[in-house]
N, C-alpha and C. Protein backbone atom coordinates (compact mmCIF):
# COMPACT_ATOMS: atom_id res chain seq x y z
N MET A 1 -16.55 5.52 -0.50
CA MET A 1 -16.77 4.41 -2.10
C MET A 1 -15.98 3.32 -2.00
N GLN A 2 -15.89 2.87 -2.76
CA GLN A 2 -15.54 1.47 -2.84
C GLN A 2 -15.17 1.46 -4.07
N THR A 3 -14.00 0.58 -4.90
CA THR A 3 -13.85 0.71 -6.28
C THR A 3 -12.50 -1.02 -5.97
N ALA A 4 -13.34 -1.64 -7.06
CA ALA A 4 -12.56 -2.29 -7.40
C ALA A 4 -10.51 -2.84 -7.41
N ASN A 5 -10.97 -1.56 -8.26
CA ASN A 5 -9.39 -1.55 -8.43
C ASN A 5 -8.53 -0.49 -7.80
N ALA A 6 -8.97 -0.45 -6.39
CA ALA A 6 -7.86 0.04 -5.28
C ALA A 6 -8.01 -1.33 -4.77
N MET A 7 -8.44 -2.18 -4.80
CA MET A 7 -7.73 -3.59 -4.19
C MET A 7 -5.96 -4.23 -4.88
N ASN A 8 -5.31 -4.57 -3.56
CA ASN A 8 -4.30 -4.12 -3.75
C ASN A 8 -2.94 -3.54 -4.30
N ARG A 9 -3.23 -2.22 -4.35
CA ARG A 9 -2.65 -1.18 -4.51
C ARG A 9 -2.11 -0.35 -3.02
N THR A 10 -1.46 0.88 -3.51
CA THR A 10 -0.09 1.49 -2.38
C THR A 10 -0.29 2.74 -2.50
N VAL A 11 -0.71 3.77 -2.45
CA VAL A 11 -0.76 4.89 -2.94
C VAL A 11 -0.33 6.18 -1.60
N SER A 12 0.45 7.14 -2.28
CA SER A 12 0.01 7.77 -1.34
C SER A 12 -0.55 9.40 -2.12
N LEU A 13 -0.97 10.00 -1.34
CA LEU A 13 -2.23 10.73 -1.70
C LEU A 13 -2.03 11.73 -1.03
N PHE A 14 -2.15 13.38 -1.91
CA PHE A 14 -2.06 13.89 -1.62
C PHE A 14 -2.56 15.24 -1.72
N SER A 15 -3.16 16.85 -1.79
CA SER A 15 -3.78 17.68 -2.99
C SER A 15 -3.25 18.69 -2.94
N THR A 16 -3.87 19.51 -4.51
CA THR A 16 -3.14 19.98 -4.90
C THR A 16 -4.86 20.95 -4.83
N LYS A 17 -3.88 22.64 -6.03
CA LYS A 17 -6.03 22.79 -6.54
C LYS A 17 -6.03 22.66 -7.82
N GLY A 18 -6.95 22.76 -7.92
CA GLY A 18 -7.44 22.02 -9.85
C GLY A 18 -8.79 21.10 -9.28
N LYS A 19 -9.09 20.37 -10.23
CA LYS A 19 -10.62 19.60 -10.20
C LYS A 19 -10.95 18.85 -9.43
N ARG A 20 -11.78 18.24 -8.98
CA ARG A 20 -11.39 16.64 -8.25
C ARG A 20 -11.54 15.62 -9.05
N THR A 21 -10.72 14.85 -8.24
CA THR A 21 -11.21 13.57 -9.04
C THR A 21 -12.54 13.42 -9.12
N GLN A 22 -13.14 12.44 -10.12
CA GLN A 22 -14.21 11.78 -10.60
C GLN A 22 -14.33 10.41 -11.18
N ASP A 23 -13.39 9.99 -11.12
CA ASP A 23 -13.26 8.85 -11.35
C ASP A 23 -12.58 8.24 -11.41
N PHE A 24 -12.34 7.35 -9.57
CA PHE A 24 -11.75 7.33 -9.27
C PHE A 24 -11.30 5.57 -9.72
N ASP A 25 -12.68 4.73 -9.91
CA ASP A 25 -12.10 3.48 -10.67
C ASP A 25 -10.71 3.88 -11.49
N ALA A 26 -10.86 4.76 -12.67
CA ALA A 26 -9.19 4.91 -13.40
C ALA A 26 -8.01 5.76 -12.78
N LEU A 27 -8.19 6.05 -11.52
CA LEU A 27 -7.19 6.33 -11.09
C LEU A 27 -6.31 5.32 -10.64
N PHE A 28 -7.29 4.82 -10.29
CA PHE A 28 -6.44 2.91 -9.04
C PHE A 28 -6.16 2.45 -10.65
N LEU A 29 -6.92 2.16 -10.94
CA LEU A 29 -6.38 1.36 -12.88
C LEU A 29 -4.82 1.83 -12.99
N SER A 30 -4.68 2.90 -12.68
CA SER A 30 -3.28 3.48 -13.36
C SER A 30 -1.71 3.37 -12.77
N THR A 31 -1.79 3.00 -11.69
CA THR A 31 -1.43 2.50 -10.33
C THR A 31 -0.49 0.85 -10.50
N LEU A 32 0.43 0.84 -10.21
CA LEU A 32 0.52 -0.57 -10.09
C LEU A 32 0.24 -1.68 -8.99
N SER A 33 0.25 -2.86 -9.36
CA SER A 33 -0.90 -2.77 -8.40
C SER A 33 0.71 -3.83 -7.49
N ASP A 34 0.73 -4.20 -5.90
CA ASP A 34 1.36 -4.62 -4.87
C ASP A 34 1.47 -6.56 -5.40
N LYS A 35 2.21 -6.52 -5.74
CA LYS A 35 2.64 -7.59 -5.73
C LYS A 35 2.73 -9.10 -4.51
N LYS A 36 1.95 -10.13 -4.04
CA LYS A 36 1.62 -10.71 -2.37
C LYS A 36 3.12 -11.59 -2.95
N GLN A 37 3.68 -11.48 -1.97
CA GLN A 37 5.06 -11.79 -1.57
C GLN A 37 5.29 -11.89 -0.31
N ASN A 38 6.34 -13.31 -0.08
CA ASN A 38 5.59 -13.63 2.28
C ASN A 38 6.54 -12.19 2.91
N ASN A 39 7.38 -11.67 2.20
CA ASN A 39 7.29 -10.48 3.41
C ASN A 39 7.92 -8.30 2.45
N PHE A 40 6.08 -8.19 1.93
CA PHE A 40 5.80 -7.46 1.97
C PHE A 40 6.46 -6.31 2.60
N ASP A 41 6.59 -5.52 1.67
CA ASP A 41 7.06 -4.05 2.16
C ASP A 41 5.92 -3.06 1.86
N GLY A 42 6.43 -3.17 -0.18
CA GLY A 42 5.69 -1.47 -0.68
C GLY A 42 6.59 -1.83 -1.61
N ILE A 43 5.31 -1.23 -2.85
CA ILE A 43 5.40 -2.09 -3.95
C ILE A 43 6.86 -1.62 -4.83
N ASN A 44 7.20 -3.20 -5.57
CA ASN A 44 8.46 -2.74 -5.86
C ASN A 44 8.91 -2.65 -5.60
N ASP A 45 9.61 -3.07 -3.73
CA ASP A 45 10.22 -2.95 -2.78
C ASP A 45 11.04 -4.92 -2.30
N PRO A 46 11.72 -4.24 -2.78
CA PRO A 46 12.72 -5.31 -2.84
C PRO A 46 12.93 -6.61 -0.74
N ASN A 47 12.07 -7.81 -1.52
CA ASN A 47 12.05 -8.52 -0.01
C ASN A 47 13.51 -8.73 0.43
N ASN A 48 13.47 -7.76 1.03
CA ASN A 48 14.90 -8.32 1.53
C ASN A 48 16.23 -8.09 3.06
N LEU A 49 14.84 -7.67 3.68
CA LEU A 49 15.12 -7.79 5.41
C LEU A 49 14.25 -8.55 5.64
N PRO A 50 15.01 -9.45 6.17
CA PRO A 50 13.48 -11.02 6.82
C PRO A 50 12.89 -10.53 8.58
N ILE A 51 11.68 -10.63 7.80
CA ILE A 51 11.25 -10.10 8.83
C ILE A 51 11.79 -10.69 11.02
N GLU A 52 11.87 -10.77 10.74
CA GLU A 52 12.53 -11.05 12.35
C GLU A 52 14.23 -9.96 12.98
N GLN A 53 13.96 -9.35 11.63
CA GLN A 53 15.05 -8.19 11.86
C GLN A 53 14.50 -7.00 11.74
N GLU A 54 13.54 -6.55 11.11
CA GLU A 54 12.70 -5.14 11.57
C GLU A 54 13.38 -5.21 12.91
N PRO A 55 12.78 -4.05 13.27
CA PRO A 55 13.33 -3.33 14.53
C PRO A 55 11.81 -3.19 15.07
N ASP A 56 11.80 -3.02 16.17
CA ASP A 56 11.59 -3.36 17.64
C ASP A 56 10.04 -3.16 17.25
N ARG A 57 9.74 -1.05 16.69
CA ARG A 57 8.67 -0.75 16.80
C ARG A 57 7.66 -1.20 15.68
N VAL A 58 8.73 -1.77 14.77
CA VAL A 58 7.57 -2.50 13.61
C VAL A 58 6.64 -3.45 13.39
N LEU A 59 7.72 -4.33 14.34
CA LEU A 59 7.57 -5.64 15.19
C LEU A 59 6.42 -5.31 15.58
N PHE A 60 5.96 -4.48 16.62
CA PHE A 60 5.21 -3.75 17.53
C PHE A 60 3.70 -3.64 16.73
N ASP A 61 4.17 -2.71 16.14
CA ASP A 61 3.02 -2.18 15.30
C ASP A 61 2.17 -3.65 14.00
N LEU A 62 3.12 -4.04 13.63
CA LEU A 62 2.36 -5.57 12.94
C LEU A 62 2.04 -6.63 13.54
N ASP A 63 1.68 -6.45 14.90
CA ASP A 63 1.47 -7.28 15.92
C ASP A 63 -0.03 -6.06 15.90
N ALA A 64 0.38 -4.75 16.25
CA ALA A 64 -1.01 -4.69 16.82
C ALA A 64 -2.46 -4.14 15.13
N VAL A 65 -1.58 -4.74 14.27
CA VAL A 65 -2.26 -4.55 13.18
C VAL A 65 -2.60 -5.61 13.29
N ARG A 66 -3.23 -7.36 13.58
CA ARG A 66 -3.18 -8.17 13.66
C ARG A 66 -4.71 -8.70 14.36
N GLN A 67 -4.26 -8.00 15.56
CA GLN A 67 -5.32 -7.76 16.39
C GLN A 67 -6.65 -7.54 15.42
């Protein structure tokens, strides 16, 4: 399923008992939009760690995603 309201949004998914979500547009629209930054870590996460100071495991993962 694709919805434009999911663009530039970071969410955590979990399951609970109850009705299934039917309106994903409304679901994603109720979340905060990620702000584009030079060193984006996550929504409302301050830009406080320069990329060159990230742990090696993070740099490795970033390189893998870029390929």
